[in-house]
Amino acid sequence: MDDAGADEAADVALGAMEAFVQNELPYDQWWDGFNRYLDGDALVAYEFTDPALVPASSVTGEPRVSAAPDATQITVLVPTDVGQYQVLLNRQAVGGEWTVSRLTPPEGIE
């Protein structure tokens, strides 16, 4: 994984988490801000999420790349007020746009 690709992925992960934790917003406004970061599977998985039930309410630090098994998949850790989320991102090809496929909350948080 090149540094530019990792930096781009971290930026997308941060943007997605900043949108995801806006749990005080009405659903339509929350979804409009969040869904642009998601891939097709994540769109389906998160479409009916009630933002009021999102446990985190703020991002509390900088994202950090945790794992990059290849040039098209990366995991970024994003700290929040309830702990560190793992954000899994994918892209179709090297140089392509990163999209979020999954947000995994800290252990013990659902």
PDB file of N, CA and C in Angstrom:
ATOM      1  N   MET A   1       0.850  -1.178   0.000  1.00  0.00           N
ATOM      2  CA  MET A   1       0.000   0.000   0.000  1.00  0.00           C
ATOM      3  C   MET A   1       0.888   1.230   0.000  1.00  0.00           C
ATOM      4  N   ASP A   2       0.643   2.123  -0.934  1.00  0.00           N
ATOM      5  CA  ASP A   2       1.419   3.358  -0.972  1.00  0.00           C
ATOM      6  C   ASP A   2       0.863   4.361   0.034  1.00  0.00           C
ATOM      7  N   ASP A   3       1.686   5.313   0.430  1.00  0.00           N
ATOM      8  CA  ASP A   3       1.291   6.296   1.442  1.00  0.00           C
ATOM      9  C   ASP A   3       0.095   7.130   0.993  1.00  0.00           C
ATOM     10  N   ALA A   4       0.056   7.497  -0.286  1.00  0.00           N
ATOM     11  CA  ALA A   4      -1.058   8.311  -0.782  1.00  0.00           C
ATOM     12  C   ALA A   4      -2.366   7.538  -0.673  1.00  0.00           C
ATOM     13  N   GLY A   5      -2.344   6.264  -1.034  1.00  0.00           N
ATOM     14  CA  GLY A   5      -3.549   5.439  -0.935  1.00  0.00           C
ATOM     15  C   GLY A   5      -4.009   5.288   0.503  1.00  0.00           C
ATOM     16  N   ALA A   6      -3.055   5.092   1.404  1.00  0.00           N
ATOM     17  CA  ALA A   6      -3.387   4.962   2.825  1.00  0.00           C
ATOM     18  C   ALA A   6      -3.956   6.270   3.371  1.00  0.00           C
ATOM     19  N   ASP A   7      -3.380   7.391   2.977  1.00  0.00           N
ATOM     20  CA  ASP A   7      -3.874   8.694   3.427  1.00  0.00           C
ATOM     21  C   ASP A   7      -5.292   8.944   2.907  1.00  0.00           C
ATOM     22  N   GLU A   8      -5.545   8.592   1.651  1.00  0.00           N
ATOM     23  CA  GLU A   8      -6.880   8.764   1.076  1.00  0.00           C
ATOM     24  C   GLU A   8      -7.895   7.900   1.821  1.00  0.00           C
ATOM     25  N   ALA A   9      -7.520   6.651   2.106  1.00  0.00           N
ATOM     26  CA  ALA A   9      -8.417   5.758   2.840  1.00  0.00           C
ATOM     27  C   ALA A   9      -8.710   6.309   4.230  1.00  0.00           C
ATOM     28  N   ALA A  10      -7.695   6.812   4.906  1.00  0.00           N
ATOM     29  CA  ALA A  10      -7.884   7.379   6.244  1.00  0.00           C
ATOM     30  C   ALA A  10      -8.831   8.576   6.187  1.00  0.00           C
ATOM     31  N   ASP A  11      -8.704   9.407   5.162  1.00  0.00           N
ATOM     32  CA  ASP A  11      -9.597  10.558   5.014  1.00  0.00           C
ATOM     33  C   ASP A  11     -11.044  10.122   4.813  1.00  0.00           C
ATOM     34  N   VAL A  12     -11.253   9.092   3.992  1.00  0.00           N
ATOM     35  CA  VAL A  12     -12.606   8.580   3.752  1.00  0.00           C
ATOM     36  C   VAL A  12     -13.172   7.975   5.038  1.00  0.00           C
ATOM     37  N   ALA A  13     -12.351   7.195   5.749  1.00  0.00           N
ATOM     38  CA  ALA A  13     -12.800   6.596   7.003  1.00  0.00           C
ATOM     39  C   ALA A  13     -13.205   7.674   8.009  1.00  0.00           C
ATOM     40  N   LEU A  14     -12.398   8.722   8.106  1.00  0.00           N
ATOM     41  CA  LEU A  14     -12.704   9.813   9.024  1.00  0.00           C
ATOM     42  C   LEU A  14     -14.009  10.500   8.621  1.00  0.00           C
ATOM     43  N   GLY A  15     -14.167  10.796   7.347  1.00  0.00           N
ATOM     44  CA  GLY A  15     -15.403  11.432   6.881  1.00  0.00           C
ATOM     45  C   GLY A  15     -16.623  10.573   7.152  1.00  0.00           C
ATOM     46  N   ALA A  16     -16.497   9.274   6.903  1.00  0.00           N
ATOM     47  CA  ALA A  16     -17.612   8.360   7.150  1.00  0.00           C
ATOM     48  C   ALA A  16     -17.979   8.327   8.625  1.00  0.00           C
ATOM     49  N   MET A  17     -16.979   8.255   9.484  1.00  0.00           N
ATOM     50  CA  MET A  17     -17.260   8.209  10.918  1.00  0.00           C
ATOM     51  C   MET A  17     -17.830   9.532  11.418  1.00  0.00           C
ATOM     52  N   GLU A  18     -17.329  10.637  10.911  1.00  0.00           N
ATOM     53  CA  GLU A  18     -17.876  11.937  11.316  1.00  0.00           C
ATOM     54  C   GLU A  18     -19.348  12.049  10.923  1.00  0.00           C
ATOM     55  N   ALA A  19     -19.708  11.500   9.771  1.00  0.00           N
ATOM     56  CA  ALA A  19     -21.113  11.502   9.348  1.00  0.00           C
ATOM     57  C   ALA A  19     -21.926  10.501  10.170  1.00  0.00           C
ATOM     58  N   PHE A  20     -21.364   9.331  10.422  1.00  0.00           N
ATOM     59  CA  PHE A  20     -22.061   8.265  11.143  1.00  0.00           C
ATOM     60  C   PHE A  20     -22.435   8.685  12.559  1.00  0.00           C
ATOM     61  N   VAL A  21     -21.570   9.406  13.244  1.00  0.00           N
ATOM     62  CA  VAL A  21     -21.815   9.752  14.654  1.00  0.00           C
ATOM     63  C   VAL A  21     -22.748  10.949  14.837  1.00  0.00           C
ATOM     64  N   GLN A  22     -23.269  11.503  13.779  1.00  0.00           N
ATOM     65  CA  GLN A  22     -24.202  12.633  13.881  1.00  0.00           C
ATOM     66  C   GLN A  22     -25.580  12.114  14.294  1.00  0.00           C
ATOM     67  N   ASN A  23     -25.635  11.453  15.442  1.00  0.00           N
ATOM     68  CA  ASN A  23     -26.837  10.744  15.862  1.00  0.00           C
ATOM     69  C   ASN A  23     -27.989  11.641  16.328  1.00  0.00           C
ATOM     70  N   GLU A  24     -27.768  12.933  16.382  1.00  0.00           N
ATOM     71  CA  GLU A  24     -28.852  13.849  16.757  1.00  0.00           C
ATOM     72  C   GLU A  24     -29.648  14.320  15.532  1.00  0.00           C
ATOM     73  N   LEU A  25     -29.176  13.999  14.346  1.00  0.00           N
ATOM     74  CA  LEU A  25     -29.840  14.444  13.116  1.00  0.00           C
ATOM     75  C   LEU A  25     -31.057  13.580  12.806  1.00  0.00           C
ATOM     76  N   PRO A  26     -32.056  14.161  12.127  1.00  0.00           N
ATOM     77  CA  PRO A  26     -33.152  13.337  11.623  1.00  0.00           C
ATOM     78  C   PRO A  26     -32.590  12.344  10.597  1.00  0.00           C
ATOM     79  N   TYR A  27     -33.266  11.209  10.458  1.00  0.00           N
ATOM     80  CA  TYR A  27     -32.763  10.137   9.600  1.00  0.00           C
ATOM     81  C   TYR A  27     -32.375  10.618   8.210  1.00  0.00           C
ATOM     82  N   ASP A  28     -33.246  11.324   7.513  1.00  0.00           N
ATOM     83  CA  ASP A  28     -32.960  11.717   6.121  1.00  0.00           C
ATOM     84  C   ASP A  28     -31.685  12.549   6.014  1.00  0.00           C
ATOM     85  N   GLN A  29     -31.506  13.451   6.917  1.00  0.00           N
ATOM     86  CA  GLN A  29     -30.307  14.295   6.902  1.00  0.00           C
ATOM     87  C   GLN A  29     -29.062  13.464   7.239  1.00  0.00           C
ATOM     88  N   TRP A  30     -29.181  12.595   8.232  1.00  0.00           N
ATOM     89  CA  TRP A  30     -28.074  11.711   8.617  1.00  0.00           C
ATOM     90  C   TRP A  30     -27.693  10.804   7.449  1.00  0.00           C
ATOM     91  N   TRP A  31     -28.681  10.184   6.817  1.00  0.00           N
ATOM     92  CA  TRP A  31     -28.432   9.249   5.723  1.00  0.00           C
ATOM     93  C   TRP A  31     -27.805   9.959   4.527  1.00  0.00           C
ATOM     94  N   ASP A  32     -28.269  11.142   4.213  1.00  0.00           N
ATOM     95  CA  ASP A  32     -27.691  11.904   3.096  1.00  0.00           C
ATOM     96  C   ASP A  32     -26.211  12.192   3.322  1.00  0.00           C
ATOM     97  N   GLY A  33     -25.827  12.466   4.552  1.00  0.00           N
ATOM     98  CA  GLY A  33     -24.428  12.737   4.856  1.00  0.00           C
ATOM     99  C   GLY A  33     -23.568  11.491   4.914  1.00  0.00           C
ATOM    100  N   PHE A  34     -24.155  10.365   5.311  1.00  0.00           N
ATOM    101  CA  PHE A  34     -23.408   9.138   5.537  1.00  0.00           C
ATOM    102  C   PHE A  34     -23.301   8.248   4.297  1.00  0.00           C
ATOM    103  N   ASN A  35     -24.364   8.115   3.535  1.00  0.00           N
ATOM    104  CA  ASN A  35     -24.398   7.089   2.488  1.00  0.00           C
ATOM    105  C   ASN A  35     -23.401   7.302   1.355  1.00  0.00           C
ATOM    106  N   ARG A  36     -22.929   8.477   1.153  1.00  0.00           N
ATOM    107  CA  ARG A  36     -21.991   8.742   0.049  1.00  0.00           C
ATOM    108  C   ARG A  36     -20.642   8.045   0.251  1.00  0.00           C
ATOM    109  N   TYR A  37     -20.362   7.611   1.476  1.00  0.00           N
ATOM    110  CA  TYR A  37     -19.097   6.938   1.776  1.00  0.00           C
ATOM    111  C   TYR A  37     -19.169   5.424   1.589  1.00  0.00           C
ATOM    112  N   LEU A  38     -20.361   4.878   1.394  1.00  0.00           N
ATOM    113  CA  LEU A  38     -20.580   3.437   1.473  1.00  0.00           C
ATOM    114  C   LEU A  38     -20.550   2.734   0.123  1.00  0.00           C
ATOM    115  N   ASP A  39     -20.085   1.469   0.150  1.00  0.00           N
ATOM    116  CA  ASP A  39     -20.177   0.643  -1.052  1.00  0.00           C
ATOM    117  C   ASP A  39     -21.580   0.024  -1.099  1.00  0.00           C
ATOM    118  N   GLY A  40     -21.855  -0.745  -2.146  1.00  0.00           N
ATOM    119  CA  GLY A  40     -23.193  -1.304  -2.343  1.00  0.00           C
ATOM    120  C   GLY A  40     -23.677  -2.162  -1.197  1.00  0.00           C
ATOM    121  N   ASP A  41     -22.831  -3.047  -0.692  1.00  0.00           N
ATOM    122  CA  ASP A  41     -23.228  -3.914   0.420  1.00  0.00           C
ATOM    123  C   ASP A  41     -23.500  -3.101   1.682  1.00  0.00           C
ATOM    124  N   ALA A  42     -22.672  -2.112   1.950  1.00  0.00           N
ATOM    125  CA  ALA A  42     -22.864  -1.285   3.142  1.00  0.00           C
ATOM    126  C   ALA A  42     -24.120  -0.423   3.014  1.00  0.00           C
ATOM    127  N   LEU A  43     -24.439   0.018   1.811  1.00  0.00           N
ATOM    128  CA  LEU A  43     -25.677   0.775   1.618  1.00  0.00           C
ATOM    129  C   LEU A  43     -26.865  -0.043   2.092  1.00  0.00           C
ATOM    130  N   VAL A  44     -26.887  -1.315   1.720  1.00  0.00           N
ATOM    131  CA  VAL A  44     -27.971  -2.209   2.128  1.00  0.00           C
ATOM    132  C   VAL A  44     -27.918  -2.456   3.636  1.00  0.00           C
ATOM    133  N   ALA A  45     -26.727  -2.695   4.169  1.00  0.00           N
ATOM    134  CA  ALA A  45     -26.576  -3.034   5.591  1.00  0.00           C
ATOM    135  C   ALA A  45     -26.970  -1.880   6.515  1.00  0.00           C
ATOM    136  N   TYR A  46     -26.673  -0.649   6.121  1.00  0.00           N
ATOM    137  CA  TYR A  46     -26.891   0.496   7.016  1.00  0.00           C
ATOM    138  C   TYR A  46     -28.132   1.313   6.681  1.00  0.00           C
ATOM    139  N   GLU A  47     -28.834   0.957   5.614  1.00  0.00           N
ATOM    140  CA  GLU A  47     -29.949   1.769   5.132  1.00  0.00           C
ATOM    141  C   GLU A  47     -31.029   2.018   6.179  1.00  0.00           C
ATOM    142  N   PHE A  48     -31.304   1.041   7.019  1.00  0.00           N
ATOM    143  CA  PHE A  48     -32.389   1.193   7.989  1.00  0.00           C
ATOM    144  C   PHE A  48     -31.885   1.451   9.405  1.00  0.00           C
ATOM    145  N   THR A  49     -30.654   1.933   9.520  1.00  0.00           N
ATOM    146  CA  THR A  49     -30.101   2.284  10.822  1.00  0.00           C
ATOM    147  C   THR A  49     -30.819   3.508  11.378  1.00  0.00           C
ATOM    148  N   ASP A  50     -31.182   3.438  12.631  1.00  0.00           N
ATOM    149  CA  ASP A  50     -31.753   4.589  13.308  1.00  0.00           C
ATOM    150  C   ASP A  50     -30.579   5.384  13.886  1.00  0.00           C
ATOM    151  N   PRO A  51     -30.319   6.589  13.393  1.00  0.00           N
ATOM    152  CA  PRO A  51     -29.158   7.335  13.880  1.00  0.00           C
ATOM    153  C   PRO A  51     -29.195   7.571  15.395  1.00  0.00           C
ATOM    154  N   ALA A  52     -30.371   7.642  15.976  1.00  0.00           N
ATOM    155  CA  ALA A  52     -30.462   7.855  17.426  1.00  0.00           C
ATOM    156  C   ALA A  52     -29.871   6.683  18.206  1.00  0.00           C
ATOM    157  N   LEU A  53     -29.730   5.519  17.552  1.00  0.00           N
ATOM    158  CA  LEU A  53     -29.182   4.339  18.219  1.00  0.00           C
ATOM    159  C   LEU A  53     -27.679   4.166  17.995  1.00  0.00           C
ATOM    160  N   VAL A  54     -27.071   5.058  17.219  1.00  0.00           N
ATOM    161  CA  VAL A  54     -25.621   5.013  17.032  1.00  0.00           C
ATOM    162  C   VAL A  54     -24.980   5.359  18.370  1.00  0.00           C
ATOM    163  N   PRO A  55     -24.156   4.455  18.925  1.00  0.00           N
ATOM    164  CA  PRO A  55     -23.640   4.683  20.275  1.00  0.00           C
ATOM    165  C   PRO A  55     -22.628   5.825  20.397  1.00  0.00           C
ATOM    166  N   ALA A  56     -21.859   6.058  19.371  1.00  0.00           N
ATOM    167  CA  ALA A  56     -20.859   7.130  19.409  1.00  0.00           C
ATOM    168  C   ALA A  56     -21.512   8.449  19.010  1.00  0.00           C
ATOM    169  N   SER A  57     -21.007   9.538  19.593  1.00  0.00           N
ATOM    170  CA  SER A  57     -21.545  10.847  19.224  1.00  0.00           C
ATOM    171  C   SER A  57     -20.474  11.818  18.752  1.00  0.00           C
ATOM    172  N   SER A  58     -19.200  11.391  18.807  1.00  0.00           N
ATOM    173  CA  SER A  58     -18.142  12.257  18.288  1.00  0.00           C
ATOM    174  C   SER A  58     -16.885  11.451  17.982  1.00  0.00           C
ATOM    175  N   VAL A  59     -16.151  11.934  17.001  1.00  0.00           N
ATOM    176  CA  VAL A  59     -14.818  11.411  16.699  1.00  0.00           C
ATOM    177  C   VAL A  59     -13.863  12.181  17.601  1.00  0.00           C
ATOM    178  N   THR A  60     -12.945  11.460  18.246  1.00  0.00           N
ATOM    179  CA  THR A  60     -12.114  12.102  19.266  1.00  0.00           C
ATOM    180  C   THR A  60     -10.630  12.166  18.919  1.00  0.00           C
ATOM    181  N   GLY A  61     -10.268  11.727  17.720  1.00  0.00           N
ATOM    182  CA  GLY A  61      -8.859  11.758  17.358  1.00  0.00           C
ATOM    183  C   GLY A  61      -8.665  11.482  15.880  1.00  0.00           C
ATOM    184  N   GLU A  62      -7.429  11.316  15.501  1.00  0.00           N
ATOM    185  CA  GLU A  62      -7.064  11.097  14.103  1.00  0.00           C
ATOM    186  C   GLU A  62      -7.174   9.616  13.724  1.00  0.00           C
ATOM    187  N   PRO A  63      -7.549   9.337  12.474  1.00  0.00           N
ATOM    188  CA  PRO A  63      -7.599   7.953  12.021  1.00  0.00           C
ATOM    189  C   PRO A  63      -6.190   7.382  11.881  1.00  0.00           C
ATOM    190  N   ARG A  64      -6.098   6.058  12.023  1.00  0.00           N
ATOM    191  CA  ARG A  64      -4.804   5.390  11.919  1.00  0.00           C
ATOM    192  C   ARG A  64      -4.986   4.088  11.155  1.00  0.00           C
ATOM    193  N   VAL A  65      -4.173   3.882  10.129  1.00  0.00           N
ATOM    194  CA  VAL A  65      -4.241   2.637   9.356  1.00  0.00           C
ATOM    195  C   VAL A  65      -3.806   1.486  10.249  1.00  0.00           C
ATOM    196  N   SER A  66      -4.631   0.447  10.272  1.00  0.00           N
ATOM    197  CA  SER A  66      -4.367  -0.723  11.097  1.00  0.00           C
ATOM    198  C   SER A  66      -3.827  -1.877  10.266  1.00  0.00           C
ATOM    199  N   ALA A  67      -4.447  -2.108   9.112  1.00  0.00           N
ATOM    200  CA  ALA A  67      -4.037  -3.222   8.252  1.00  0.00           C
ATOM    201  C   ALA A  67      -4.317  -2.862   6.805  1.00  0.00           C
ATOM    202  N   ALA A  68      -3.410  -3.277   5.950  1.00  0.00           N
ATOM    203  CA  ALA A  68      -3.578  -3.067   4.509  1.00  0.00           C
ATOM    204  C   ALA A  68      -3.075  -4.328   3.807  1.00  0.00           C
ATOM    205  N   PRO A  69      -3.921  -5.374   3.769  1.00  0.00           N
ATOM    206  CA  PRO A  69      -3.473  -6.646   3.216  1.00  0.00           C
ATOM    207  C   PRO A  69      -3.097  -6.588   1.736  1.00  0.00           C
ATOM    208  N   ASP A  70      -3.674  -5.643   1.023  1.00  0.00           N
ATOM    209  CA  ASP A  70      -3.302  -5.444  -0.381  1.00  0.00           C
ATOM    210  C   ASP A  70      -3.666  -4.017  -0.776  1.00  0.00           C
ATOM    211  N   ALA A  71      -3.489  -3.685  -2.031  1.00  0.00           N
ATOM    212  CA  ALA A  71      -3.684  -2.303  -2.484  1.00  0.00           C
ATOM    213  C   ALA A  71      -5.149  -1.918  -2.654  1.00  0.00           C
ATOM    214  N   THR A  72      -6.076  -2.875  -2.448  1.00  0.00           N
ATOM    215  CA  THR A  72      -7.490  -2.574  -2.634  1.00  0.00           C
ATOM    216  C   THR A  72      -8.331  -2.766  -1.386  1.00  0.00           C
ATOM    217  N   GLN A  73      -7.702  -3.101  -0.269  1.00  0.00           N
ATOM    218  CA  GLN A  73      -8.427  -3.262   0.989  1.00  0.00           C
ATOM    219  C   GLN A  73      -7.586  -2.708   2.137  1.00  0.00           C
ATOM    220  N   ILE A  74      -8.251  -2.034   3.059  1.00  0.00           N
ATOM    221  CA  ILE A  74      -7.539  -1.422   4.179  1.00  0.00           C
ATOM    222  C   ILE A  74      -8.486  -1.300   5.365  1.00  0.00           C
ATOM    223  N   THR A  75      -7.937  -1.398   6.561  1.00  0.00           N
ATOM    224  CA  THR A  75      -8.686  -1.161   7.786  1.00  0.00           C
ATOM    225  C   THR A  75      -8.086   0.052   8.475  1.00  0.00           C
ATOM    226  N   VAL A  76      -8.961   0.983   8.829  1.00  0.00           N
ATOM    227  CA  VAL A  76      -8.551   2.213   9.491  1.00  0.00           C
ATOM    228  C   VAL A  76      -9.239   2.269  10.854  1.00  0.00           C
ATOM    229  N   LEU A  77      -8.487   2.594  11.880  1.00  0.00           N
ATOM    230  CA  LEU A  77      -9.024   2.750  13.227  1.00  0.00           C
ATOM    231  C   LEU A  77      -9.353   4.216  13.470  1.00  0.00           C
ATOM    232  N   VAL A  78     -10.577   4.457  13.927  1.00  0.00           N
ATOM    233  CA  VAL A  78     -11.027   5.836  14.180  1.00  0.00           C
ATOM    234  C   VAL A  78     -11.519   5.920  15.630  1.00  0.00           C
ATOM    235  N   PRO A  79     -10.865   6.738  16.461  1.00  0.00           N
ATOM    236  CA  PRO A  79     -11.283   6.860  17.855  1.00  0.00           C
ATOM    237  C   PRO A  79     -12.553   7.705  17.994  1.00  0.00           C
ATOM    238  N   THR A  80     -13.437   7.240  18.873  1.00  0.00           N
ATOM    239  CA  THR A  80     -14.677   7.972  19.163  1.00  0.00           C
ATOM    240  C   THR A  80     -14.845   8.065  20.675  1.00  0.00           C
ATOM    241  N   ASP A  81     -15.893   8.748  21.086  1.00  0.00           N
ATOM    242  CA  ASP A  81     -16.165   8.897  22.514  1.00  0.00           C
ATOM    243  C   ASP A  81     -16.590   7.596  23.197  1.00  0.00           C
ATOM    244  N   VAL A  82     -16.855   6.527  22.441  1.00  0.00           N
ATOM    245  CA  VAL A  82     -17.183   5.222  23.035  1.00  0.00           C
ATOM    246  C   VAL A  82     -16.090   4.194  22.777  1.00  0.00           C
ATOM    247  N   GLY A  83     -15.008   4.610  22.159  1.00  0.00           N
ATOM    248  CA  GLY A  83     -13.914   3.696  21.844  1.00  0.00           C
ATOM    249  C   GLY A  83     -13.572   3.740  20.368  1.00  0.00           C
ATOM    250  N   GLN A  84     -12.716   2.842  19.970  1.00  0.00           N
ATOM    251  CA  GLN A  84     -12.154   2.842  18.623  1.00  0.00           C
ATOM    252  C   GLN A  84     -12.965   1.963  17.664  1.00  0.00           C
ATOM    253  N   TYR A  85     -13.444   2.559  16.597  1.00  0.00           N
ATOM    254  CA  TYR A  85     -14.131   1.829  15.536  1.00  0.00           C
ATOM    255  C   TYR A  85     -13.104   1.346  14.511  1.00  0.00           C
ATOM    256  N   GLN A  86     -13.349   0.170  13.955  1.00  0.00           N
ATOM    257  CA  GLN A  86     -12.583  -0.325  12.812  1.00  0.00           C
ATOM    258  C   GLN A  86     -13.407  -0.051  11.563  1.00  0.00           C
ATOM    259  N   VAL A  87     -12.815   0.643  10.616  1.00  0.00           N
ATOM    260  CA  VAL A  87     -13.502   0.973   9.369  1.00  0.00           C
ATOM    261  C   VAL A  87     -12.810   0.206   8.251  1.00  0.00           C
ATOM    262  N   LEU A  88     -13.542  -0.708   7.631  1.00  0.00           N
ATOM    263  CA  LEU A  88     -13.023  -1.497   6.520  1.00  0.00           C
ATOM    264  C   LEU A  88     -13.396  -0.804   5.222  1.00  0.00           C
ATOM    265  N   LEU A  89     -12.385  -0.542   4.390  1.00  0.00           N
ATOM    266  CA  LEU A  89     -12.602   0.132   3.110  1.00  0.00           C
ATOM    267  C   LEU A  89     -12.058  -0.727   1.978  1.00  0.00           C
ATOM    268  N   ASN A  90     -12.677  -0.572   0.814  1.00  0.00           N
ATOM    269  CA  ASN A  90     -12.252  -1.273  -0.393  1.00  0.00           C
ATOM    270  C   ASN A  90     -12.250  -0.298  -1.559  1.00  0.00           C
ATOM    271  N   ARG A  91     -11.504  -0.674  -2.583  1.00  0.00           N
ATOM    272  CA  ARG A  91     -11.569   0.048  -3.857  1.00  0.00           C
ATOM    273  C   ARG A  91     -11.415  -0.986  -4.964  1.00  0.00           C
ATOM    274  N   GLN A  92     -11.960  -0.677  -6.114  1.00  0.00           N
ATOM    275  CA  GLN A  92     -11.963  -1.631  -7.221  1.00  0.00           C
ATOM    276  C   GLN A  92     -10.577  -1.865  -7.817  1.00  0.00           C
ATOM    277  N   ALA A  93      -9.753  -0.846  -7.818  1.00  0.00           N
ATOM    278  CA  ALA A  93      -8.413  -0.947  -8.412  1.00  0.00           C
ATOM    279  C   ALA A  93      -7.499   0.079  -7.751  1.00  0.00           C
ATOM    280  N   VAL A  94      -6.214  -0.142  -7.869  1.00  0.00           N
ATOM    281  CA  VAL A  94      -5.238   0.816  -7.349  1.00  0.00           C
ATOM    282  C   VAL A  94      -5.518   2.172  -7.990  1.00  0.00           C
ATOM    283  N   GLY A  95      -5.591   3.204  -7.179  1.00  0.00           N
ATOM    284  CA  GLY A  95      -5.895   4.538  -7.681  1.00  0.00           C
ATOM    285  C   GLY A  95      -7.379   4.837  -7.712  1.00  0.00           C
ATOM    286  N   GLY A  96      -8.229   3.834  -7.456  1.00  0.00           N
ATOM    287  CA  GLY A  96      -9.673   4.044  -7.438  1.00  0.00           C
ATOM    288  C   GLY A  96     -10.123   4.700  -6.144  1.00  0.00           C
ATOM    289  N   GLU A  97     -11.402   5.020  -6.085  1.00  0.00           N
ATOM    290  CA  GLU A  97     -11.952   5.663  -4.895  1.00  0.00           C
ATOM    291  C   GLU A  97     -12.230   4.630  -3.814  1.00  0.00           C
ATOM    292  N   TRP A  98     -11.890   4.974  -2.588  1.00  0.00           N
ATOM    293  CA  TRP A  98     -12.174   4.127  -1.442  1.00  0.00           C
ATOM    294  C   TRP A  98     -13.633   4.271  -1.042  1.00  0.00           C
ATOM    295  N   THR A  99     -14.262   3.149  -0.689  1.00  0.00           N
ATOM    296  CA  THR A  99     -15.604   3.165  -0.125  1.00  0.00           C
ATOM    297  C   THR A  99     -15.609   2.292   1.130  1.00  0.00           C
ATOM    298  N   VAL A 100     -16.480   2.621   2.040  1.00  0.00           N
ATOM    299  CA  VAL A 100     -16.593   1.891   3.302  1.00  0.00           C
ATOM    300  C   VAL A 100     -17.490   0.680   3.100  1.00  0.00           C
ATOM    301  N   SER A 101     -17.009  -0.475   3.563  1.00  0.00           N
ATOM    302  CA  SER A 101     -17.844  -1.672   3.499  1.00  0.00           C
ATOM    303  C   SER A 101     -18.364  -2.082   4.875  1.00  0.00           C
ATOM    304  N   ARG A 102     -17.684  -1.631   5.946  1.00  0.00           N
ATOM    305  CA  ARG A 102     -18.140  -2.007   7.280  1.00  0.00           C
ATOM    306  C   ARG A 102     -17.542  -1.084   8.339  1.00  0.00           C
ATOM    307  N   LEU A 103     -18.353  -0.784   9.343  1.00  0.00           N
ATOM    308  CA  LEU A 103     -17.912  -0.085  10.547  1.00  0.00           C
ATOM    309  C   LEU A 103     -18.091  -1.055  11.702  1.00  0.00           C
ATOM    310  N   THR A 104     -17.009  -1.393  12.358  1.00  0.00           N
ATOM    311  CA  THR A 104     -17.092  -2.321  13.489  1.00  0.00           C
ATOM    312  C   THR A 104     -16.877  -1.527  14.777  1.00  0.00           C
ATOM    313  N   PRO A 105     -17.888  -1.531  15.655  1.00  0.00           N
ATOM    314  CA  PRO A 105     -17.747  -0.770  16.895  1.00  0.00           C
ATOM    315  C   PRO A 105     -16.740  -1.425  17.840  1.00  0.00           C
ATOM    316  N   PRO A 106     -16.343  -0.692  18.869  1.00  0.00           N
ATOM    317  CA  PRO A 106     -15.434  -1.265  19.864  1.00  0.00           C
ATOM    318  C   PRO A 106     -16.078  -2.488  20.510  1.00  0.00           C
ATOM    319  N   GLU A 107     -15.255  -3.389  21.016  1.00  0.00           N
ATOM    320  CA  GLU A 107     -15.767  -4.578  21.689  1.00  0.00           C
ATOM    321  C   GLU A 107     -16.671  -4.175  22.843  1.00  0.00           C
ATOM    322  N   GLY A 108     -17.801  -4.853  22.930  1.00  0.00           N
ATOM    323  CA  GLY A 108     -18.754  -4.565  23.994  1.00  0.00           C
ATOM    324  C   GLY A 108     -19.793  -3.523  23.626  1.00  0.00           C
ATOM    325  N   ILE A 109     -19.641  -2.878  22.469  1.00  0.00           N
ATOM    326  CA  ILE A 109     -20.608  -1.873  21.989  1.00  0.00           C
ATOM    327  C   ILE A 109     -21.342  -2.477  20.801  1.00  0.00           C
ATOM    328  N   GLU A 110     -22.648  -2.349  20.790  1.00  0.00           N
ATOM    329  CA  GLU A 110     -23.418  -2.877  19.664  1.00  0.00           C
ATOM    330  C   GLU A 110     -24.022  -1.760  18.853  1.00  0.00           C
TER     331      GLU A 110
END
